[in-house]
Amino acid sequence: MTPLLPYFLVYLSGILAALPASQNFLFPYFLSLATAVTGALLFTQSRPKRFVKAMVLVLLFPLGFSAPGWQDRLRPEHHIWNHLQGGQRAVVVGWLEETPAVFKDKVRYRVRLEQIAYTGSPITVTGTARITHHKDL
């Protein structure tokens, strides 16, 4: 049985290649390349080698490369994360999911969202928001 480490390293190299930090590294994509080469070298040291195992090893790189974008592709179209505009005030419509948590200087609400509006007409959304209202001191 082939050890799992070569497969993991090649998958990890795909993830590292997809991350923007890898492009701005001292030597662009070096970490991803070094990880893939290490995985390939470890694979060549294992016995027995089979064509199917080698193909799985090769296909794990594109699978790892596509992994960081899975959350965006699997999220529903009306999810709140698709409509957030950071740093802007919004009007939200929803219902309280649990009793508000009251602290000394703030109150924290957990709201199941139904609609959100920034400046125009409201947009129907799904998701949960944690809204914190800070009290004036």
Protein backbone atom coordinates (compact mmCIF):
# COMPACT_ATOMS: atom_id res chain seq x y z
CA MET A 1 0.00 0.00 0.00
CA THR A 2 1.33 3.41 -0.96
CA PRO A 3 1.75 5.86 1.94
CA LEU A 4 -0.65 8.79 1.95
CA LEU A 5 2.00 11.48 2.42
CA PRO A 6 2.81 11.93 -1.32
CA TYR A 7 -0.89 12.37 -2.11
CA PHE A 8 -1.33 14.85 0.72
CA LEU A 9 1.71 16.87 -0.38
CA VAL A 10 0.55 17.12 -3.99
CA TYR A 11 -2.95 18.15 -2.86
CA LEU A 12 -1.41 20.73 -0.52
CA SER A 13 0.76 22.08 -3.33
CA GLY A 14 -2.40 22.74 -5.35
CA ILE A 15 -3.92 24.66 -2.45
CA LEU A 16 -0.71 26.65 -2.00
CA ALA A 17 -0.62 27.52 -5.70
CA ALA A 18 -4.18 28.88 -5.53
CA LEU A 19 -3.52 31.20 -2.60
CA PRO A 20 -2.58 34.80 -3.45
CA ALA A 21 0.21 34.75 -0.84
CA SER A 22 2.02 32.15 -2.95
CA GLN A 23 2.24 34.60 -5.84
CA ASN A 24 3.81 37.28 -3.65
CA PHE A 25 6.28 34.93 -1.97
CA LEU A 26 10.02 35.66 -2.17
CA PHE A 27 10.21 33.30 -5.15
CA PRO A 28 6.70 33.10 -6.66
CA TYR A 29 5.12 29.63 -6.41
CA PHE A 30 8.31 28.16 -4.92
CA LEU A 31 6.56 26.73 -1.87
CA SER A 32 3.93 25.05 -4.04
CA LEU A 33 6.55 23.70 -6.43
CA ALA A 34 8.75 22.40 -3.60
CA THR A 35 5.78 20.65 -2.00
CA ALA A 36 4.75 19.03 -5.30
CA VAL A 37 8.30 17.87 -6.06
CA THR A 38 8.66 16.41 -2.56
CA GLY A 39 5.38 14.54 -2.98
CA ALA A 40 6.45 13.22 -6.40
CA LEU A 41 9.84 12.11 -5.07
CA LEU A 42 8.23 10.31 -2.15
CA PHE A 43 5.85 8.63 -4.59
CA THR A 44 8.73 7.36 -6.74
CA GLN A 45 10.31 5.80 -3.64
CA SER A 46 7.19 3.79 -2.81
CA ARG A 47 6.61 0.24 -4.02
CA PRO A 48 4.72 -0.91 -6.09
CA LYS A 49 4.01 1.86 -8.57
CA ARG A 50 0.81 1.62 -10.54
CA PHE A 51 -0.57 3.76 -13.32
CA VAL A 52 -3.85 4.38 -11.48
CA LYS A 53 -2.03 5.56 -8.35
CA ALA A 54 0.10 7.89 -10.45
CA MET A 55 -3.00 9.34 -12.12
CA VAL A 56 -4.62 9.93 -8.74
CA LEU A 57 -1.45 11.70 -7.64
CA VAL A 58 -1.49 13.91 -10.75
CA LEU A 59 -5.20 14.72 -10.42
CA LEU A 60 -4.86 15.80 -6.79
CA PHE A 61 -3.01 18.98 -7.81
CA PRO A 62 -5.93 20.50 -9.77
CA LEU A 63 -8.30 19.30 -7.06
CA GLY A 64 -6.25 21.15 -4.45
CA PHE A 65 -5.96 24.19 -6.73
CA SER A 66 -9.75 24.43 -6.96
CA ALA A 67 -10.37 23.81 -3.23
CA PRO A 68 -10.22 27.45 -1.98
CA GLY A 69 -13.11 28.43 -4.28
CA TRP A 70 -15.49 25.65 -3.26
CA GLN A 71 -17.19 27.74 -0.58
CA ASP A 72 -18.18 30.39 -3.11
CA ARG A 73 -19.49 27.86 -5.61
CA LEU A 74 -21.47 25.83 -3.07
CA ARG A 75 -23.09 28.83 -1.38
CA PRO A 76 -26.73 29.54 -2.41
CA GLU A 77 -27.29 32.56 -4.66
CA HIS A 78 -29.26 34.50 -2.02
CA HIS A 79 -26.79 33.89 0.81
CA ILE A 80 -25.93 37.01 2.80
CA TRP A 81 -22.21 36.71 2.02
CA ASN A 82 -22.96 37.32 -1.67
CA HIS A 83 -24.55 40.69 -0.83
CA LEU A 84 -22.41 42.11 1.98
CA GLN A 85 -20.95 45.57 1.49
CA GLY A 86 -18.38 46.10 4.21
CA GLY A 87 -18.29 49.38 6.11
CA GLN A 88 -21.76 50.52 5.03
CA ARG A 89 -24.92 50.85 7.08
CA ALA A 90 -27.74 48.50 6.16
CA VAL A 91 -31.36 47.96 7.10
CA VAL A 92 -31.99 44.31 7.90
CA VAL A 93 -35.26 42.45 8.30
CA GLY A 94 -35.34 39.15 10.13
CA TRP A 95 -36.19 37.51 13.40
CA LEU A 96 -34.23 36.88 16.57
CA GLU A 97 -32.81 33.41 16.63
CA GLU A 98 -32.01 33.43 20.34
CA THR A 99 -32.27 35.65 23.38
CA PRO A 100 -29.93 38.65 23.07
CA ALA A 101 -26.72 38.40 25.08
CA VAL A 102 -26.44 41.45 27.33
CA PHE A 103 -22.99 42.61 28.40
CA LYS A 104 -21.85 45.64 30.38
CA ASP A 105 -21.06 47.75 27.31
CA LYS A 106 -22.96 46.00 24.50
CA VAL A 107 -25.89 43.84 23.46
CA ARG A 108 -25.33 41.05 20.96
CA TYR A 109 -28.20 39.82 18.77
CA ARG A 110 -28.29 36.78 16.54
CA VAL A 111 -30.70 37.42 13.68
CA ARG A 112 -31.99 35.03 11.01
CA LEU A 113 -32.02 37.35 8.00
CA GLU A 114 -34.82 37.68 5.47
CA GLN A 115 -33.98 40.97 3.72
CA ILE A 116 -31.17 43.50 3.57
CA ALA A 117 -31.17 46.98 2.03
CA TYR A 118 -28.24 49.35 1.68
CA THR A 119 -29.51 52.32 -0.34
CA GLY A 120 -32.04 50.92 -2.78
CA SER A 121 -34.71 48.29 -2.66
CA PRO A 122 -34.37 45.40 -0.22
CA ILE A 123 -32.78 42.15 -1.34
CA THR A 124 -34.12 38.80 -0.16
CA VAL A 125 -31.30 36.92 1.56
CA THR A 126 -30.69 33.81 3.63
CA GLY A 127 -28.23 33.43 6.46
CA THR A 128 -27.61 34.45 10.04
CA ALA A 129 -26.07 37.68 11.29
CA ARG A 130 -24.54 38.48 14.64
CA ILE A 131 -25.27 42.13 15.31
CA THR A 132 -23.62 43.94 18.21
CA HIS A 133 -25.04 47.19 19.54
CA HIS A 134 -22.51 49.10 21.62
CA LYS A 135 -23.96 51.25 24.40
CA ASP A 136 -22.83 54.84 24.79
CA LEU A 137 -20.58 55.22 27.80
